[in-house]
Full PDB file with SEQRES, HELIX, SHEET, SSBOND, CRYST1, ORIGX, SCALE, CONECT and MASTER records, all heavy atoms in Angstrom:
SEQRES   1 A   31  LEU ALA ALA SER VAL THR ALA CYS GLY ASN SER ASN ALA          
SEQRES   2 A   31  GLY SER VAL TYR ASN TYR SER ASN GLY LEU ASP GLU ASN          
SEQRES   3 A   31  GLY PHE PHE GLU GLY                                          
HELIX    1 AA1 THR A    6  CYS A    8  5                                   3    
CRYST1    1.000    1.000    1.000  90.00  90.00  90.00 P 1           1          
ORIGX1      1.000000  0.000000  0.000000        0.00000                         
ORIGX2      0.000000  1.000000  0.000000        0.00000                         
ORIGX3      0.000000  0.000000  1.000000        0.00000                         
SCALE1      1.000000  0.000000  0.000000        0.00000                         
SCALE2      0.000000  1.000000  0.000000        0.00000                         
SCALE3      0.000000  0.000000  1.000000        0.00000                         
ATOM      1  N   LEU A   1      87.290 -73.055-103.783  1.00  0.00           N  
ATOM      2  CA  LEU A   1      86.301 -73.432-104.772  1.00  0.00           C  
ATOM      3  C   LEU A   1      86.873 -74.392-105.785  1.00  0.00           C  
ATOM      4  O   LEU A   1      87.912 -74.171-106.367  1.00  0.00           O  
ATOM      5  CB  LEU A   1      85.755 -72.174-105.446  1.00  0.00           C  
ATOM      6  CG  LEU A   1      85.292 -71.125-104.440  1.00  0.00           C  
ATOM      7  CD1 LEU A   1      84.701 -69.945-105.137  1.00  0.00           C  
ATOM      8  CD2 LEU A   1      84.306 -71.712-103.460  1.00  0.00           C  
ATOM      9  N   ALA A   2      86.158 -75.484-106.040  1.00  0.00           N  
ATOM     10  CA  ALA A   2      86.755 -76.647-106.685  1.00  0.00           C  
ATOM     11  C   ALA A   2      86.870 -76.556-108.189  1.00  0.00           C  
ATOM     12  O   ALA A   2      87.855 -76.970-108.756  1.00  0.00           O  
ATOM     13  CB  ALA A   2      85.940 -77.887-106.333  1.00  0.00           C  
ATOM     14  N   ALA A   3      85.877 -76.059-108.864  1.00  0.00           N  
ATOM     15  CA  ALA A   3      85.902 -76.139-110.322  1.00  0.00           C  
ATOM     16  C   ALA A   3      86.246 -74.783-110.902  1.00  0.00           C  
ATOM     17  O   ALA A   3      87.381 -74.375-110.860  1.00  0.00           O  
ATOM     18  CB  ALA A   3      84.553 -76.636-110.822  1.00  0.00           C  
ATOM     19  N   SER A   4      85.245 -74.081-111.461  1.00  0.00           N  
ATOM     20  CA  SER A   4      85.551 -72.816-112.119  1.00  0.00           C  
ATOM     21  C   SER A   4      86.128 -71.804-111.156  1.00  0.00           C  
ATOM     22  O   SER A   4      86.929 -70.968-111.532  1.00  0.00           O  
ATOM     23  CB  SER A   4      84.272 -72.240-112.736  1.00  0.00           C  
ATOM     24  OG  SER A   4      83.303 -72.002-111.740  1.00  0.00           O  
ATOM     25  N   VAL A   5      85.714 -71.838-109.897  1.00  0.00           N  
ATOM     26  CA  VAL A   5      86.142 -70.830-108.950  1.00  0.00           C  
ATOM     27  C   VAL A   5      87.588 -71.035-108.527  1.00  0.00           C  
ATOM     28  O   VAL A   5      88.313 -70.095-108.266  1.00  0.00           O  
ATOM     29  CB  VAL A   5      85.217 -70.826-107.720  1.00  0.00           C  
ATOM     30  CG1 VAL A   5      85.556 -69.683-106.789  1.00  0.00           C  
ATOM     31  CG2 VAL A   5      83.774 -70.729-108.167  1.00  0.00           C  
ATOM     32  N   THR A   6      88.048 -72.299-108.447  1.00  0.00           N  
ATOM     33  CA  THR A   6      89.418 -72.564-108.044  1.00  0.00           C  
ATOM     34  C   THR A   6      90.406 -71.855-108.947  1.00  0.00           C  
ATOM     35  O   THR A   6      91.458 -71.430-108.507  1.00  0.00           O  
ATOM     36  CB  THR A   6      89.704 -74.073-108.070  1.00  0.00           C  
ATOM     37  OG1 THR A   6      88.804 -74.720-107.182  1.00  0.00           O  
ATOM     38  CG2 THR A   6      91.117 -74.380-107.621  1.00  0.00           C  
ATOM     39  N   ALA A   7      90.043 -71.705-110.201  1.00  0.00           N  
ATOM     40  CA  ALA A   7      90.968 -71.103-111.154  1.00  0.00           C  
ATOM     41  C   ALA A   7      91.143 -69.611-110.948  1.00  0.00           C  
ATOM     42  O   ALA A   7      91.967 -68.993-111.593  1.00  0.00           O  
ATOM     43  CB  ALA A   7      90.468 -71.340-112.577  1.00  0.00           C  
ATOM     44  N   CYS A   8      90.407 -69.027-110.032  1.00  0.00           N  
ATOM     45  CA  CYS A   8      90.449 -67.579-109.879  1.00  0.00           C  
ATOM     46  C   CYS A   8      91.773 -67.066-109.354  1.00  0.00           C  
ATOM     47  O   CYS A   8      92.118 -65.927-109.570  1.00  0.00           O  
ATOM     48  CB  CYS A   8      89.335 -67.109-108.929  1.00  0.00           C  
ATOM     49  SG  CYS A   8      87.691 -67.255-109.626  1.00  0.00           S  
ATOM     50  N   GLY A   9      92.505 -67.862-108.597  1.00  0.00           N  
ATOM     51  CA  GLY A   9      93.778 -67.404-108.069  1.00  0.00           C  
ATOM     52  C   GLY A   9      93.632 -66.741-106.727  1.00  0.00           C  
ATOM     53  O   GLY A   9      92.639 -66.901-106.038  1.00  0.00           O  
ATOM     54  N   ASN A  10      94.614 -65.895-106.347  1.00  0.00           N  
ATOM     55  CA  ASN A  10      94.689 -65.366-104.992  1.00  0.00           C  
ATOM     56  C   ASN A  10      94.655 -63.855-104.993  1.00  0.00           C  
ATOM     57  O   ASN A  10      95.188 -63.222-104.105  1.00  0.00           O  
ATOM     58  CB  ASN A  10      95.985 -65.865-104.326  1.00  0.00           C  
ATOM     59  CG  ASN A  10      96.004 -65.627-102.830  1.00  0.00           C  
ATOM     60  OD1 ASN A  10      94.964 -65.484-102.205  1.00  0.00           O  
ATOM     61  ND2 ASN A  10      97.189 -65.574-102.253  1.00  0.00           N  
ATOM     62  N   SER A  11      93.997 -63.242-106.000  1.00  0.00           N  
ATOM     63  CA  SER A  11      94.036 -61.803-106.129  1.00  0.00           C  
ATOM     64  C   SER A  11      93.205 -61.081-105.094  1.00  0.00           C  
ATOM     65  O   SER A  11      93.287 -59.873-104.970  1.00  0.00           O  
ATOM     66  CB  SER A  11      93.573 -61.388-107.524  1.00  0.00           C  
ATOM     67  OG  SER A  11      94.434 -61.900-108.498  1.00  0.00           O  
ATOM     68  N   ASN A  12      92.381 -61.783-104.324  1.00  0.00           N  
ATOM     69  CA  ASN A  12      91.569 -61.132-103.312  1.00  0.00           C  
ATOM     70  C   ASN A  12      92.332 -60.831-102.040  1.00  0.00           C  
ATOM     71  O   ASN A  12      91.814 -60.214-101.125  1.00  0.00           O  
ATOM     72  CB  ASN A  12      90.363 -62.013-102.949  1.00  0.00           C  
ATOM     73  CG  ASN A  12      89.276 -61.907-103.992  1.00  0.00           C  
ATOM     74  OD1 ASN A  12      89.075 -60.855-104.571  1.00  0.00           O  
ATOM     75  ND2 ASN A  12      88.593 -62.999-104.244  1.00  0.00           N  
ATOM     76  N   ALA A  13      93.570 -61.302-101.963  1.00  0.00           N  
ATOM     77  CA  ALA A  13      94.342 -61.116-100.742  1.00  0.00           C  
ATOM     78  C   ALA A  13      94.377 -59.634-100.392  1.00  0.00           C  
ATOM     79  O   ALA A  13      94.706 -58.779-101.190  1.00  0.00           O  
ATOM     80  CB  ALA A  13      95.759 -61.662-100.935  1.00  0.00           C  
ATOM     81  N   GLY A  14      94.049 -59.338 -99.136  1.00  0.00           N  
ATOM     82  CA  GLY A  14      94.101 -57.969 -98.675  1.00  0.00           C  
ATOM     83  C   GLY A  14      92.827 -57.194 -98.947  1.00  0.00           C  
ATOM     84  O   GLY A  14      92.714 -56.045 -98.575  1.00  0.00           O  
ATOM     85  N   SER A  15      91.845 -57.744 -99.623  1.00  0.00           N  
ATOM     86  CA  SER A  15      90.612 -57.037 -99.904  1.00  0.00           C  
ATOM     87  C   SER A  15      89.712 -57.090 -98.673  1.00  0.00           C  
ATOM     88  O   SER A  15      90.004 -57.755 -97.696  1.00  0.00           O  
ATOM     89  CB  SER A  15      89.894 -57.666-101.099  1.00  0.00           C  
ATOM     90  OG  SER A  15      89.294 -58.887-100.720  1.00  0.00           O  
ATOM     91  N   VAL A  16      88.555 -56.376 -98.750  1.00  0.00           N  
ATOM     92  CA  VAL A  16      87.645 -56.315 -97.608  1.00  0.00           C  
ATOM     93  C   VAL A  16      86.643 -57.453 -97.648  1.00  0.00           C  
ATOM     94  O   VAL A  16      85.783 -57.537 -96.788  1.00  0.00           O  
ATOM     95  CB  VAL A  16      86.892 -54.966 -97.582  1.00  0.00           C  
ATOM     96  CG1 VAL A  16      87.870 -53.832 -97.369  1.00  0.00           C  
ATOM     97  CG2 VAL A  16      86.110 -54.739 -98.870  1.00  0.00           C  
ATOM     98  N   TYR A  17      86.734 -58.325 -98.629  1.00  0.00           N  
ATOM     99  CA  TYR A  17      85.788 -59.426 -98.735  1.00  0.00           C  
ATOM    100  C   TYR A  17      85.890 -60.329 -97.510  1.00  0.00           C  
ATOM    101  O   TYR A  17      86.975 -60.653 -97.039  1.00  0.00           O  
ATOM    102  CB  TYR A  17      86.071 -60.243 -99.996  1.00  0.00           C  
ATOM    103  CG  TYR A  17      85.145 -61.433-100.143  1.00  0.00           C  
ATOM    104  CD1 TYR A  17      83.822 -61.263-100.509  1.00  0.00           C  
ATOM    105  CD2 TYR A  17      85.601 -62.725 -99.887  1.00  0.00           C  
ATOM    106  CE1 TYR A  17      82.973 -62.335-100.635  1.00  0.00           C  
ATOM    107  CE2 TYR A  17      84.757 -63.816-100.018  1.00  0.00           C  
ATOM    108  CZ  TYR A  17      83.437 -63.612-100.382  1.00  0.00           C  
ATOM    109  OH  TYR A  17      82.592 -64.681-100.499  1.00  0.00           O  
ATOM    110  N   ASN A  18      84.724 -60.736 -96.983  1.00  0.00           N  
ATOM    111  CA  ASN A  18      84.672 -61.602 -95.806  1.00  0.00           C  
ATOM    112  C   ASN A  18      84.573 -63.055 -96.263  1.00  0.00           C  
ATOM    113  O   ASN A  18      83.505 -63.536 -96.606  1.00  0.00           O  
ATOM    114  CB  ASN A  18      83.478 -61.223 -94.924  1.00  0.00           C  
ATOM    115  CG  ASN A  18      83.442 -62.020 -93.638  1.00  0.00           C  
ATOM    116  OD1 ASN A  18      84.194 -62.980 -93.448  1.00  0.00           O  
ATOM    117  ND2 ASN A  18      82.560 -61.630 -92.731  1.00  0.00           N  
ATOM    118  N   TYR A  19      85.698 -63.746 -96.266  1.00  0.00           N  
ATOM    119  CA  TYR A  19      85.737 -65.123 -96.736  1.00  0.00           C  
ATOM    120  C   TYR A  19      84.894 -66.058 -95.882  1.00  0.00           C  
ATOM    121  O   TYR A  19      84.425 -67.087 -96.355  1.00  0.00           O  
ATOM    122  CB  TYR A  19      87.185 -65.630 -96.726  1.00  0.00           C  
ATOM    123  CG  TYR A  19      88.088 -64.950 -97.716  1.00  0.00           C  
ATOM    124  CD1 TYR A  19      88.683 -63.732 -97.410  1.00  0.00           C  
ATOM    125  CD2 TYR A  19      88.356 -65.518 -98.945  1.00  0.00           C  
ATOM    126  CE1 TYR A  19      89.519 -63.108 -98.310  1.00  0.00           C  
ATOM    127  CE2 TYR A  19      89.192 -64.901 -99.857  1.00  0.00           C  
ATOM    128  CZ  TYR A  19      89.776 -63.694 -99.534  1.00  0.00           C  
ATOM    129  OH  TYR A  19      90.598 -63.076-100.424  1.00  0.00           O  
ATOM    130  N   SER A  20      84.739 -65.723 -94.611  1.00  0.00           N  
ATOM    131  CA  SER A  20      84.048 -66.616 -93.683  1.00  0.00           C  
ATOM    132  C   SER A  20      82.560 -66.325 -93.576  1.00  0.00           C  
ATOM    133  O   SER A  20      81.852 -67.025 -92.847  1.00  0.00           O  
ATOM    134  CB  SER A  20      84.694 -66.533 -92.295  1.00  0.00           C  
ATOM    135  OG  SER A  20      85.989 -67.100 -92.321  1.00  0.00           O  
ATOM    136  N   ASN A  21      82.082 -65.295 -94.277  1.00  0.00           N  
ATOM    137  CA  ASN A  21      80.665 -64.969 -94.219  1.00  0.00           C  
ATOM    138  C   ASN A  21      79.832 -66.123 -94.767  1.00  0.00           C  
ATOM    139  O   ASN A  21      80.063 -66.608 -95.872  1.00  0.00           O  
ATOM    140  CB  ASN A  21      80.394 -63.707 -95.039  1.00  0.00           C  
ATOM    141  CG  ASN A  21      78.978 -63.203 -94.873  1.00  0.00           C  
ATOM    142  OD1 ASN A  21      78.425 -63.253 -93.780  1.00  0.00           O  
ATOM    143  ND2 ASN A  21      78.398 -62.713 -95.954  1.00  0.00           N  
ATOM    144  N   GLY A  22      78.857 -66.599 -93.966  1.00  0.00           N  
ATOM    145  CA  GLY A  22      78.012 -67.715 -94.373  1.00  0.00           C  
ATOM    146  C   GLY A  22      78.481 -69.056 -93.866  1.00  0.00           C  
ATOM    147  O   GLY A  22      77.850 -70.081 -94.134  1.00  0.00           O  
ATOM    148  N   LEU A  23      79.602 -69.067 -93.113  1.00  0.00           N  
ATOM    149  CA  LEU A  23      80.116 -70.304 -92.525  1.00  0.00           C  
ATOM    150  C   LEU A  23      80.008 -70.238 -91.011  1.00  0.00           C  
ATOM    151  O   LEU A  23      80.163 -69.169 -90.415  1.00  0.00           O  
ATOM    152  CB  LEU A  23      81.588 -70.513 -92.923  1.00  0.00           C  
ATOM    153  CG  LEU A  23      81.904 -70.557 -94.418  1.00  0.00           C  
ATOM    154  CD1 LEU A  23      83.407 -70.706 -94.620  1.00  0.00           C  
ATOM    155  CD2 LEU A  23      81.144 -71.680 -95.114  1.00  0.00           C  
ATOM    156  N   ASP A  24      79.756 -71.391 -90.378  1.00  0.00           N  
ATOM    157  CA  ASP A  24      79.687 -71.402 -88.920  1.00  0.00           C  
ATOM    158  C   ASP A  24      81.070 -71.657 -88.328  1.00  0.00           C  
ATOM    159  O   ASP A  24      82.079 -71.720 -89.050  1.00  0.00           O  
ATOM    160  CB  ASP A  24      78.653 -72.418 -88.420  1.00  0.00           C  
ATOM    161  CG  ASP A  24      79.032 -73.859 -88.726  1.00  0.00           C  
ATOM    162  OD1 ASP A  24      80.226 -74.134 -89.004  1.00  0.00           O  
ATOM    163  OD2 ASP A  24      78.144 -74.733 -88.684  1.00  0.00           O  
ATOM    164  N   GLU A  25      81.122 -71.841 -87.014  1.00  0.00           N  
ATOM    165  CA  GLU A  25      82.407 -71.949 -86.327  1.00  0.00           C  
ATOM    166  C   GLU A  25      83.195 -73.200 -86.724  1.00  0.00           C  
ATOM    167  O   GLU A  25      84.407 -73.270 -86.518  1.00  0.00           O  
ATOM    168  CB  GLU A  25      82.190 -71.943 -84.820  1.00  0.00           C  
ATOM    169  CG  GLU A  25      81.336 -73.089 -84.317  1.00  0.00           C  
ATOM    170  CD  GLU A  25      81.115 -73.056 -82.818  1.00  0.00           C  
ATOM    171  OE1 GLU A  25      81.481 -72.035 -82.196  1.00  0.00           O  
ATOM    172  OE2 GLU A  25      80.592 -74.033 -82.268  1.00  0.00           O  
ATOM    173  N   ASN A  26      82.522 -74.181 -87.318  1.00  0.00           N  
ATOM    174  CA  ASN A  26      83.202 -75.396 -87.765  1.00  0.00           C  
ATOM    175  C   ASN A  26      83.616 -75.330 -89.233  1.00  0.00           C  
ATOM    176  O   ASN A  26      84.235 -76.277 -89.750  1.00  0.00           O  
ATOM    177  CB  ASN A  26      82.295 -76.617 -87.563  1.00  0.00           C  
ATOM    178  CG  ASN A  26      82.126 -76.974 -86.098  1.00  0.00           C  
ATOM    179  OD1 ASN A  26      83.090 -76.984 -85.351  1.00  0.00           O  
ATOM    180  ND2 ASN A  26      80.885 -77.244 -85.705  1.00  0.00           N  
ATOM    181  N   GLY A  27      83.270 -74.217 -89.902  1.00  0.00           N  
ATOM    182  CA  GLY A  27      83.552 -74.133 -91.325  1.00  0.00           C  
ATOM    183  C   GLY A  27      82.454 -74.754 -92.165  1.00  0.00           C  
ATOM    184  O   GLY A  27      82.619 -74.950 -93.367  1.00  0.00           O  
ATOM    185  N   PHE A  28      81.313 -75.085 -91.544  1.00  0.00           N  
ATOM    186  CA  PHE A  28      80.163 -75.625 -92.263  1.00  0.00           C  
ATOM    187  C   PHE A  28      79.269 -74.465 -92.702  1.00  0.00           C  
ATOM    188  O   PHE A  28      79.316 -73.374 -92.131  1.00  0.00           O  
ATOM    189  CB  PHE A  28      79.349 -76.565 -91.376  1.00  0.00           C  
ATOM    190  CG  PHE A  28      80.090 -77.789 -90.921  1.00  0.00           C  
ATOM    191  CD1 PHE A  28      79.579 -78.567 -89.879  1.00  0.00           C  
ATOM    192  CD2 PHE A  28      81.286 -78.177 -91.503  1.00  0.00           C  
ATOM    193  CE1 PHE A  28      80.243 -79.708 -89.449  1.00  0.00           C  
ATOM    194  CE2 PHE A  28      81.959 -79.320 -91.081  1.00  0.00           C  
ATOM    195  CZ  PHE A  28      81.442 -80.086 -90.048  1.00  0.00           C  
ATOM    196  N   PHE A  29      78.423 -74.721 -93.696  1.00  0.00           N  
ATOM    197  CA  PHE A  29      77.484 -73.688 -94.125  1.00  0.00           C  
ATOM    198  C   PHE A  29      76.456 -73.444 -93.024  1.00  0.00           C  
ATOM    199  O   PHE A  29      75.860 -74.387 -92.486  1.00  0.00           O  
ATOM    200  CB  PHE A  29      76.792 -74.103 -95.428  1.00  0.00           C  
ATOM    201  CG  PHE A  29      77.737 -74.148 -96.598  1.00  0.00           C  
ATOM    202  CD1 PHE A  29      78.107 -75.362 -97.158  1.00  0.00           C  
ATOM    203  CD2 PHE A  29      78.259 -72.985 -97.131  1.00  0.00           C  
ATOM    204  CE1 PHE A  29      78.980 -75.412 -98.228  1.00  0.00           C  
ATOM    205  CE2 PHE A  29      79.140 -73.027 -98.207  1.00  0.00           C  
ATOM    206  CZ  PHE A  29      79.505 -74.244 -98.748  1.00  0.00           C  
ATOM    207  N   GLU A  30      76.258 -72.178 -92.706  1.00  0.00           N  
ATOM    208  CA  GLU A  30      75.384 -71.802 -91.604  1.00  0.00           C  
ATOM    209  C   GLU A  30      73.957 -72.299 -91.820  1.00  0.00           C  
ATOM    210  O   GLU A  30      73.381 -72.130 -92.902  1.00  0.00           O  
ATOM    211  CB  GLU A  30      75.362 -70.278 -91.443  1.00  0.00           C  
ATOM    212  CG  GLU A  30      76.604 -69.713 -90.772  1.00  0.00           C  
ATOM    213  CD  GLU A  30      76.510 -68.208 -90.581  1.00  0.00           C  
ATOM    214  OE1 GLU A  30      75.680 -67.575 -91.275  1.00  0.00           O  
ATOM    215  OE2 GLU A  30      77.259 -67.662 -89.757  1.00  0.00           O  
ATOM    216  N   GLY A  31      73.390 -72.921 -90.760  1.00  0.00           N  
ATOM    217  CA  GLY A  31      71.997 -73.331 -90.775  1.00  0.00           C  
ATOM    218  C   GLY A  31      71.685 -74.512 -91.673  1.00  0.00           C  
ATOM    219  O   GLY A  31      70.519 -74.781 -91.944  1.00  0.00           O  
TER     220      GLY A  31                                                      
MASTER        0    0    0    1    0    0    0    6  219    1    0    3          
END                                                                             
């Protein structure tokens, strides 16, 4: 995430959050 979100850091590492949810096989936004 480029602006405000980029500053969040890497604290989600190891969490159950699905980083790829909403992205297709090419890394594009689904649909």
